[in-house]
PDB file of N, CA and C in Angstrom:
ATOM      1  N   MET A   1      30.376  35.127 -10.456  1.00  0.00           N
ATOM      2  CA  MET A   1      28.929  34.708 -10.166  1.00  0.00           C
ATOM      3  C   MET A   1      28.337  35.894 -11.866  1.00  0.00           C
ATOM      4  N   GLU A   2      27.458  35.075 -12.566  1.00  0.00           N
ATOM      5  CA  GLU A   2      26.432  35.791 -13.530  1.00  0.00           C
ATOM      6  C   GLU A   2      25.552  36.367 -13.109  1.00  0.00           C
ATOM      7  N   GLU A   3      25.211  37.451 -13.154  1.00  0.00           N
ATOM      8  CA  GLU A   3      23.766  37.960 -12.758  1.00  0.00           C
ATOM      9  C   GLU A   3      22.895  37.695 -14.227  1.00  0.00           C
ATOM     10  N   LYS A   4      21.923  37.981 -13.588  1.00  0.00           N
ATOM     11  CA  LYS A   4      20.954  37.440 -14.982  1.00  0.00           C
ATOM     12  C   LYS A   4      20.253  38.700 -14.784  1.00  0.00           C
ATOM     13  N   ASN A   5      20.006  39.315 -15.818  1.00  0.00           N
ATOM     14  CA  ASN A   5      19.681  40.363 -16.651  1.00  0.00           C
ATOM     15  C   ASN A   5      18.075  40.204 -16.185  1.00  0.00           C
ATOM     16  N   THR A   6      17.234  40.615 -14.955  1.00  0.00           N
ATOM     17  CA  THR A   6      16.117  40.404 -14.467  1.00  0.00           C
ATOM     18  C   THR A   6      15.385  41.714 -14.652  1.00  0.00           C
ATOM     19  N   LYS A   7      14.510  42.106 -15.972  1.00  0.00           N
ATOM     20  CA  LYS A   7      13.469  43.029 -16.400  1.00  0.00           C
ATOM     21  C   LYS A   7      12.096  42.327 -15.359  1.00  0.00           C
ATOM     22  N   ASN A   8      11.512  43.578 -15.142  1.00  0.00           N
ATOM     23  CA  ASN A   8       9.940  43.552 -14.829  1.00  0.00           C
ATOM     24  C   ASN A   8       9.370  43.057 -16.213  1.00  0.00           C
ATOM     25  N   VAL A   9       8.973  42.229 -16.386  1.00  0.00           N
ATOM     26  CA  VAL A   9       8.181  41.858 -18.005  1.00  0.00           C
ATOM     27  C   VAL A   9       6.867  41.035 -17.091  1.00  0.00           C
ATOM     28  N   PRO A  10       5.986  41.438 -17.701  1.00  0.00           N
ATOM     29  CA  PRO A  10       4.575  41.712 -16.920  1.00  0.00           C
ATOM     30  C   PRO A  10       4.416  39.984 -17.358  1.00  0.00           C
ATOM     31  N   GLU A  11       3.384  39.464 -16.178  1.00  0.00           N
ATOM     32  CA  GLU A  11       2.744  38.071 -16.191  1.00  0.00           C
ATOM     33  C   GLU A  11       1.697  38.332 -17.478  1.00  0.00           C
ATOM     34  N   LYS A  12       1.526  36.491 -17.801  1.00  0.00           N
ATOM     35  CA  LYS A  12       0.102  36.455 -18.697  1.00  0.00           C
ATOM     36  C   LYS A  12      -0.441  36.884 -17.239  1.00  0.00           C
ATOM     37  N   LYS A  13      -1.829  37.931 -17.633  1.00  0.00           N
ATOM     38  CA  LYS A  13      -2.798  37.567 -16.530  1.00  0.00           C
ATOM     39  C   LYS A  13      -3.791  36.572 -17.630  1.00  0.00           C
ATOM     40  N   ASN A  14      -5.213  36.935 -16.690  1.00  0.00           N
ATOM     41  CA  ASN A  14      -6.254  35.570 -16.997  1.00  0.00           C
ATOM     42  C   ASN A  14      -7.363  36.594 -17.298  1.00  0.00           C
ATOM     43  N   SER A  15      -6.873  36.802 -18.728  1.00  0.00           N
ATOM     44  CA  SER A  15      -8.233  36.760 -19.885  1.00  0.00           C
ATOM     45  C   SER A  15      -9.653  37.117 -19.044  1.00  0.00           C
ATOM     46  N   LYS A  16      -9.496  35.756 -18.435  1.00  0.00           N
ATOM     47  CA  LYS A  16     -11.766  35.807 -17.673  1.00  0.00           C
ATOM     48  C   LYS A  16     -11.637  37.428 -16.922  1.00  0.00           C
ATOM     49  N   GLY A  17     -12.597  37.853 -17.133  1.00  0.00           N
ATOM     50  CA  GLY A  17     -13.020  38.383 -16.050  1.00  0.00           C
ATOM     51  C   GLY A  17     -12.091  40.404 -16.218  1.00  0.00           C
ATOM     52  N   SER A  18     -10.967  40.407 -16.495  1.00  0.00           N
ATOM     53  CA  SER A  18     -10.752  40.861 -16.409  1.00  0.00           C
ATOM     54  C   SER A  18     -11.079  41.843 -17.582  1.00  0.00           C
ATOM     55  N   ALA A  19     -12.019  42.193 -18.656  1.00  0.00           N
ATOM     56  CA  ALA A  19     -12.811  43.265 -19.748  1.00  0.00           C
ATOM     57  C   ALA A  19     -13.946  43.053 -18.653  1.00  0.00           C
ATOM     58  N   LYS A  20     -14.681  42.766 -17.725  1.00  0.00           N
ATOM     59  CA  LYS A  20     -15.935  43.116 -17.355  1.00  0.00           C
ATOM     60  C   LYS A  20     -14.941  44.270 -15.647  1.00  0.00           C
ATOM     61  N   LYS A  21     -13.949  43.928 -15.965  1.00  0.00           N
ATOM     62  CA  LYS A  21     -12.796  44.647 -14.250  1.00  0.00           C
ATOM     63  C   LYS A  21     -12.391  46.245 -15.334  1.00  0.00           C
ATOM     64  N   PHE A  22     -12.279  46.236 -16.583  1.00  0.00           N
ATOM     65  CA  PHE A  22     -12.099  47.224 -17.445  1.00  0.00           C
ATOM     66  C   PHE A  22     -13.477  47.749 -17.445  1.00  0.00           C
ATOM     67  N   VAL A  23     -14.658  47.170 -17.600  1.00  0.00           N
ATOM     68  CA  VAL A  23     -15.579  48.234 -17.845  1.00  0.00           C
ATOM     69  C   VAL A  23     -15.814  48.878 -16.927  1.00  0.00           C
ATOM     70  N   ASN A  24     -15.816  48.065 -16.043  1.00  0.00           N
ATOM     71  CA  ASN A  24     -16.266  48.478 -14.800  1.00  0.00           C
ATOM     72  C   ASN A  24     -15.755  49.437 -14.271  1.00  0.00           C
ATOM     73  N   LYS A  25     -14.065  49.799 -14.314  1.00  0.00           N
ATOM     74  CA  LYS A  25     -13.607  50.929 -13.787  1.00  0.00           C
ATOM     75  C   LYS A  25     -14.028  52.157 -14.430  1.00  0.00           C
ATOM     76  N   HIS A  26     -13.949  52.226 -15.830  1.00  0.00           N
ATOM     77  CA  HIS A  26     -14.075  52.854 -16.901  1.00  0.00           C
ATOM     78  C   HIS A  26     -16.125  53.686 -16.390  1.00  0.00           C
ATOM     79  N   VAL A  27     -16.847  52.673 -16.303  1.00  0.00           N
ATOM     80  CA  VAL A  27     -18.015  53.458 -15.519  1.00  0.00           C
ATOM     81  C   VAL A  27     -17.818  54.219 -14.337  1.00  0.00           C
ATOM     82  N   GLY A  28     -17.378  53.610 -13.313  1.00  0.00           N
ATOM     83  CA  GLY A  28     -16.957  54.237 -12.569  1.00  0.00           C
ATOM     84  C   GLY A  28     -16.068  55.666 -12.825  1.00  0.00           C
ATOM     85  N   GLU A  29     -14.900  55.648 -13.480  1.00  0.00           N
ATOM     86  CA  GLU A  29     -14.463  57.310 -13.838  1.00  0.00           C
ATOM     87  C   GLU A  29     -15.420  57.577 -14.692  1.00  0.00           C
ATOM     88  N   PHE A  30     -16.388  57.689 -15.638  1.00  0.00           N
ATOM     89  CA  PHE A  30     -17.079  58.146 -16.274  1.00  0.00           C
ATOM     90  C   PHE A  30     -18.226  59.052 -15.185  1.00  0.00           C
ATOM     91  N   LYS A  31     -19.027  58.062 -14.049  1.00  0.00           N
ATOM     92  CA  LYS A  31     -19.608  58.929 -12.824  1.00  0.00           C
ATOM     93  C   LYS A  31     -19.184  59.547 -12.311  1.00  0.00           C
ATOM     94  N   LYS A  32     -17.977  60.034 -12.222  1.00  0.00           N
ATOM     95  CA  LYS A  32     -16.682  61.004 -11.369  1.00  0.00           C
ATOM     96  C   LYS A  32     -16.912  62.425 -11.931  1.00  0.00           C
ATOM     97  N   ILE A  33     -17.502  62.181 -13.650  1.00  0.00           N
ATOM     98  CA  ILE A  33     -16.877  63.529 -14.602  1.00  0.00           C
ATOM     99  C   ILE A  33     -18.126  64.732 -14.092  1.00  0.00           C
ATOM    100  N   ILE A  34     -18.212  65.423 -13.823  1.00  0.00           N
ATOM    101  CA  ILE A  34     -18.829  66.704 -14.097  1.00  0.00           C
ATOM    102  C   ILE A  34     -19.137  67.412 -15.022  1.00  0.00           C
ATOM    103  N   TRP A  35     -20.284  66.917 -15.429  1.00  0.00           N
ATOM    104  CA  TRP A  35     -20.136  67.358 -16.733  1.00  0.00           C
ATOM    105  C   TRP A  35     -20.704  68.918 -17.364  1.00  0.00           C
ATOM    106  N   PRO A  36     -21.152  70.200 -18.237  1.00  0.00           N
ATOM    107  CA  PRO A  36     -21.239  71.195 -18.141  1.00  0.00           C
ATOM    108  C   PRO A  36     -22.557  71.238 -18.444  1.00  0.00           C
ATOM    109  N   SER A  37     -23.523  71.876 -18.000  1.00  0.00           N
ATOM    110  CA  SER A  37     -24.268  72.143 -18.286  1.00  0.00           C
ATOM    111  C   SER A  37     -24.734  73.061 -20.145  1.00  0.00           C
ATOM    112  N   LYS A  38     -26.072  72.872 -20.844  1.00  0.00           N
ATOM    113  CA  LYS A  38     -26.041  73.352 -21.833  1.00  0.00           C
ATOM    114  C   LYS A  38     -25.618  74.450 -22.027  1.00  0.00           C
ATOM    115  N   GLU A  39     -26.109  75.045 -21.287  1.00  0.00           N
ATOM    116  CA  GLU A  39     -25.697  76.792 -20.992  1.00  0.00           C
ATOM    117  C   GLU A  39     -24.044  76.760 -21.086  1.00  0.00           C
ATOM    118  N   GLU A  40     -23.271  76.208 -20.340  1.00  0.00           N
ATOM    119  CA  GLU A  40     -22.015  76.141 -20.078  1.00  0.00           C
ATOM    120  C   GLU A  40     -21.584  76.031 -21.742  1.00  0.00           C
ATOM    121  N   LEU A  41     -21.742  74.309 -21.988  1.00  0.00           N
ATOM    122  CA  LEU A  41     -21.329  74.088 -23.250  1.00  0.00           C
ATOM    123  C   LEU A  41     -21.452  74.676 -24.514  1.00  0.00           C
ATOM    124  N   PHE A  42     -22.725  75.882 -24.455  1.00  0.00           N
ATOM    125  CA  PHE A  42     -23.003  76.987 -25.681  1.00  0.00           C
ATOM    126  C   PHE A  42     -22.264  77.767 -25.790  1.00  0.00           C
ATOM    127  N   LYS A  43     -21.566  78.543 -24.514  1.00  0.00           N
ATOM    128  CA  LYS A  43     -20.744  79.594 -24.306  1.00  0.00           C
ATOM    129  C   LYS A  43     -19.158  79.191 -24.184  1.00  0.00           C
ATOM    130  N   GLN A  44     -19.733  78.136 -24.199  1.00  0.00           N
ATOM    131  CA  GLN A  44     -17.664  77.652 -24.849  1.00  0.00           C
ATOM    132  C   GLN A  44     -17.534  77.191 -25.885  1.00  0.00           C
ATOM    133  N   THR A  45     -18.501  76.869 -26.653  1.00  0.00           N
ATOM    134  CA  THR A  45     -18.779  76.594 -28.042  1.00  0.00           C
ATOM    135  C   THR A  45     -18.615  77.755 -29.069  1.00  0.00           C
ATOM    136  N   VAL A  46     -18.950  78.759 -28.412  1.00  0.00           N
ATOM    137  CA  VAL A  46     -19.424  79.800 -29.532  1.00  0.00           C
ATOM    138  C   VAL A  46     -18.191  80.337 -29.069  1.00  0.00           C
ATOM    139  N   THR A  47     -17.333  80.786 -27.843  1.00  0.00           N
ATOM    140  CA  THR A  47     -16.273  80.985 -27.447  1.00  0.00           C
ATOM    141  C   THR A  47     -14.782  80.413 -28.252  1.00  0.00           C
ATOM    142  N   VAL A  48     -14.936  79.321 -29.099  1.00  0.00           N
ATOM    143  CA  VAL A  48     -14.200  78.535 -29.386  1.00  0.00           C
ATOM    144  C   VAL A  48     -14.024  79.351 -30.640  1.00  0.00           C
ATOM    145  N   ILE A  49     -15.372  79.023 -31.936  1.00  0.00           N
ATOM    146  CA  ILE A  49     -16.281  79.379 -32.758  1.00  0.00           C
ATOM    147  C   ILE A  49     -15.274  80.726 -33.148  1.00  0.00           C
ATOM    148  N   CYS A  50     -15.637  81.734 -32.156  1.00  0.00           N
ATOM    149  CA  CYS A  50     -15.090  82.800 -32.187  1.00  0.00           C
ATOM    150  C   CYS A  50     -13.432  82.848 -31.961  1.00  0.00           C
ATOM    151  N   LEU A  51     -13.250  82.442 -30.988  1.00  0.00           N
ATOM    152  CA  LEU A  51     -11.885  82.486 -31.369  1.00  0.00           C
ATOM    153  C   LEU A  51     -10.643  82.050 -32.449  1.00  0.00           C
ATOM    154  N   SER A  52     -11.593  80.757 -33.043  1.00  0.00           N
ATOM    155  CA  SER A  52     -11.662  80.237 -33.835  1.00  0.00           C
ATOM    156  C   SER A  52     -11.115  81.232 -35.416  1.00  0.00           C
ATOM    157  N   VAL A  53     -12.134  81.775 -35.225  1.00  0.00           N
ATOM    158  CA  VAL A  53     -12.450  82.965 -36.800  1.00  0.00           C
ATOM    159  C   VAL A  53     -11.805  83.844 -36.666  1.00  0.00           C
ATOM    160  N   ILE A  54     -10.739  84.527 -35.289  1.00  0.00           N
ATOM    161  CA  ILE A  54     -10.170  85.706 -35.114  1.00  0.00           C
ATOM    162  C   ILE A  54      -8.962  85.081 -35.280  1.00  0.00           C
ATOM    163  N   VAL A  55      -8.571  84.143 -35.143  1.00  0.00           N
ATOM    164  CA  VAL A  55      -7.294  83.917 -35.338  1.00  0.00           C
ATOM    165  C   VAL A  55      -7.152  83.479 -36.871  1.00  0.00           C
ATOM    166  N   ALA A  56      -7.847  83.049 -37.597  1.00  0.00           N
ATOM    167  CA  ALA A  56      -7.864  82.566 -38.821  1.00  0.00           C
ATOM    168  C   ALA A  56      -8.021  84.329 -39.651  1.00  0.00           C
ATOM    169  N   VAL A  57      -8.562  85.224 -39.765  1.00  0.00           N
ATOM    170  CA  VAL A  57      -8.618  86.852 -39.997  1.00  0.00           C
ATOM    171  C   VAL A  57      -7.326  87.079 -39.788  1.00  0.00           C
ATOM    172  N   ILE A  58      -6.761  86.747 -38.490  1.00  0.00           N
ATOM    173  CA  ILE A  58      -5.108  87.679 -38.405  1.00  0.00           C
ATOM    174  C   ILE A  58      -4.142  86.582 -39.419  1.00  0.00           C
ATOM    175  N   ILE A  59      -4.518  85.360 -39.350  1.00  0.00           N
ATOM    176  CA  ILE A  59      -3.496  84.603 -40.334  1.00  0.00           C
ATOM    177  C   ILE A  59      -3.664  84.671 -41.330  1.00  0.00           C
ATOM    178  N   TRP A  60      -5.119  85.100 -42.442  1.00  0.00           N
ATOM    179  CA  TRP A  60      -5.335  85.282 -43.588  1.00  0.00           C
ATOM    180  C   TRP A  60      -4.658  86.986 -43.478  1.00  0.00           C
ATOM    181  N   GLY A  61      -4.671  88.043 -42.842  1.00  0.00           N
ATOM    182  CA  GLY A  61      -3.850  89.110 -42.919  1.00  0.00           C
ATOM    183  C   GLY A  61      -2.634  89.270 -42.796  1.00  0.00           C
ATOM    184  N   TYR A  62      -1.433  88.496 -41.895  1.00  0.00           N
ATOM    185  CA  TYR A  62      -0.325  88.539 -42.998  1.00  0.00           C
ATOM    186  C   TYR A  62       0.202  87.640 -43.181  1.00  0.00           C
ATOM    187  N   ASP A  63      -0.825  86.734 -44.039  1.00  0.00           N
ATOM    188  CA  ASP A  63      -0.820  86.098 -45.688  1.00  0.00           C
ATOM    189  C   ASP A  63      -0.789  87.092 -46.588  1.00  0.00           C
ATOM    190  N   GLU A  64      -1.653  87.888 -46.462  1.00  0.00           N
ATOM    191  CA  GLU A  64      -2.124  89.410 -47.500  1.00  0.00           C
ATOM    192  C   GLU A  64      -1.083  89.804 -47.426  1.00  0.00           C
ATOM    193  N   VAL A  65      -0.400  90.493 -46.097  1.00  0.00           N
ATOM    194  CA  VAL A  65       0.614  91.234 -45.980  1.00  0.00           C
ATOM    195  C   VAL A  65       1.687  90.685 -46.736  1.00  0.00           C
ATOM    196  N   PHE A  66       2.224  89.980 -46.700  1.00  0.00           N
ATOM    197  CA  PHE A  66       3.448  89.182 -46.930  1.00  0.00           C
ATOM    198  C   PHE A  66       3.430  88.448 -48.434  1.00  0.00           C
ATOM    199  N   GLU A  67       2.223  88.679 -48.793  1.00  0.00           N
ATOM    200  CA  GLU A  67       2.014  88.628 -49.998  1.00  0.00           C
ATOM    201  C   GLU A  67       2.399  89.586 -50.939  1.00  0.00           C
ATOM    202  N   TYR A  68       1.745  90.288 -50.914  1.00  0.00           N
ATOM    203  CA  TYR A  68       2.300  91.864 -50.751  1.00  0.00           C
ATOM    204  C   TYR A  68       3.808  92.338 -51.230  1.00  0.00           C
ATOM    205  N   LEU A  69       4.736  92.094 -49.662  1.00  0.00           N
ATOM    206  CA  LEU A  69       6.159  92.201 -49.459  1.00  0.00           C
ATOM    207  C   LEU A  69       6.387  91.825 -50.694  1.00  0.00           C
ATOM    208  N   TYR A  70       5.586  90.238 -50.593  1.00  0.00           N
ATOM    209  CA  TYR A  70       6.672  89.313 -51.687  1.00  0.00           C
ATOM    210  C   TYR A  70       6.066  89.812 -53.422  1.00  0.00           C
ATOM    211  N   GLN A  71       5.495  90.133 -53.477  1.00  0.00           N
ATOM    212  CA  GLN A  71       4.768  90.870 -54.912  1.00  0.00           C
ATOM    213  C   GLN A  71       5.597  92.007 -55.486  1.00  0.00           C
ATOM    214  N   ALA A  72       5.832  92.958 -54.473  1.00  0.00           N
ATOM    215  CA  ALA A  72       6.629  94.117 -53.914  1.00  0.00           C
ATOM    216  C   ALA A  72       8.296  93.750 -54.456  1.00  0.00           C
ATOM    217  N   LEU A  73       8.420  92.474 -53.609  1.00  0.00           N
ATOM    218  CA  LEU A  73      10.236  92.425 -54.256  1.00  0.00           C
ATOM    219  C   LEU A  73      10.466  91.623 -55.246  1.00  0.00           C
ATOM    220  N   ILE A  74       9.476  91.044 -56.032  1.00  0.00           N
ATOM    221  CA  ILE A  74       9.960  90.741 -56.899  1.00  0.00           C
ATOM    222  C   ILE A  74      10.125  91.554 -57.895  1.00  0.00           C
ATOM    223  N   THR A  75       9.349  92.453 -58.315  1.00  0.00           N
ATOM    224  CA  THR A  75       8.708  93.488 -59.319  1.00  0.00           C
ATOM    225  C   THR A  75      10.448  95.019 -58.987  1.00  0.00           C
ATOM    226  N   LEU A  76      11.149  94.435 -57.939  1.00  0.00           N
ATOM    227  CA  LEU A  76      11.920  95.676 -57.806  1.00  0.00           C
ATOM    228  C   LEU A  76      12.691  94.611 -58.585  1.00  0.00           C
ATOM    229  N   VAL A  77      12.855  93.394 -58.292  1.00  0.00           N
ATOM    230  CA  VAL A  77      13.975  92.398 -59.425  1.00  0.00           C
ATOM    231  C   VAL A  77      14.026  92.539 -60.469  1.00  0.00           C
ATOM    232  N   LYS A  78      12.806  92.475 -60.903  1.00  0.00           N
ATOM    233  CA  LYS A  78      12.736  93.107 -62.577  1.00  0.00           C
ATOM    234  C   LYS A  78      13.334  94.151 -62.992  1.00  0.00           C
TER     235      LYS A  78
END
């Protein structure tokens, strides 16, 4: 006997009312979110900006060191 390949194929749903359900579900989820206060948001924003600047300075420093080493290597080869 031959077995048919039965995959879980989603059936076509009735689009009537599905958009309304979708929006209502998401509105309910947004009500569950605990939004940060202005003070928390400000502190977190400042932290992210400061850390970004620190990482940028570190990367710039590595770039300068590698550029110096590269230039020193080039002058040695010449």
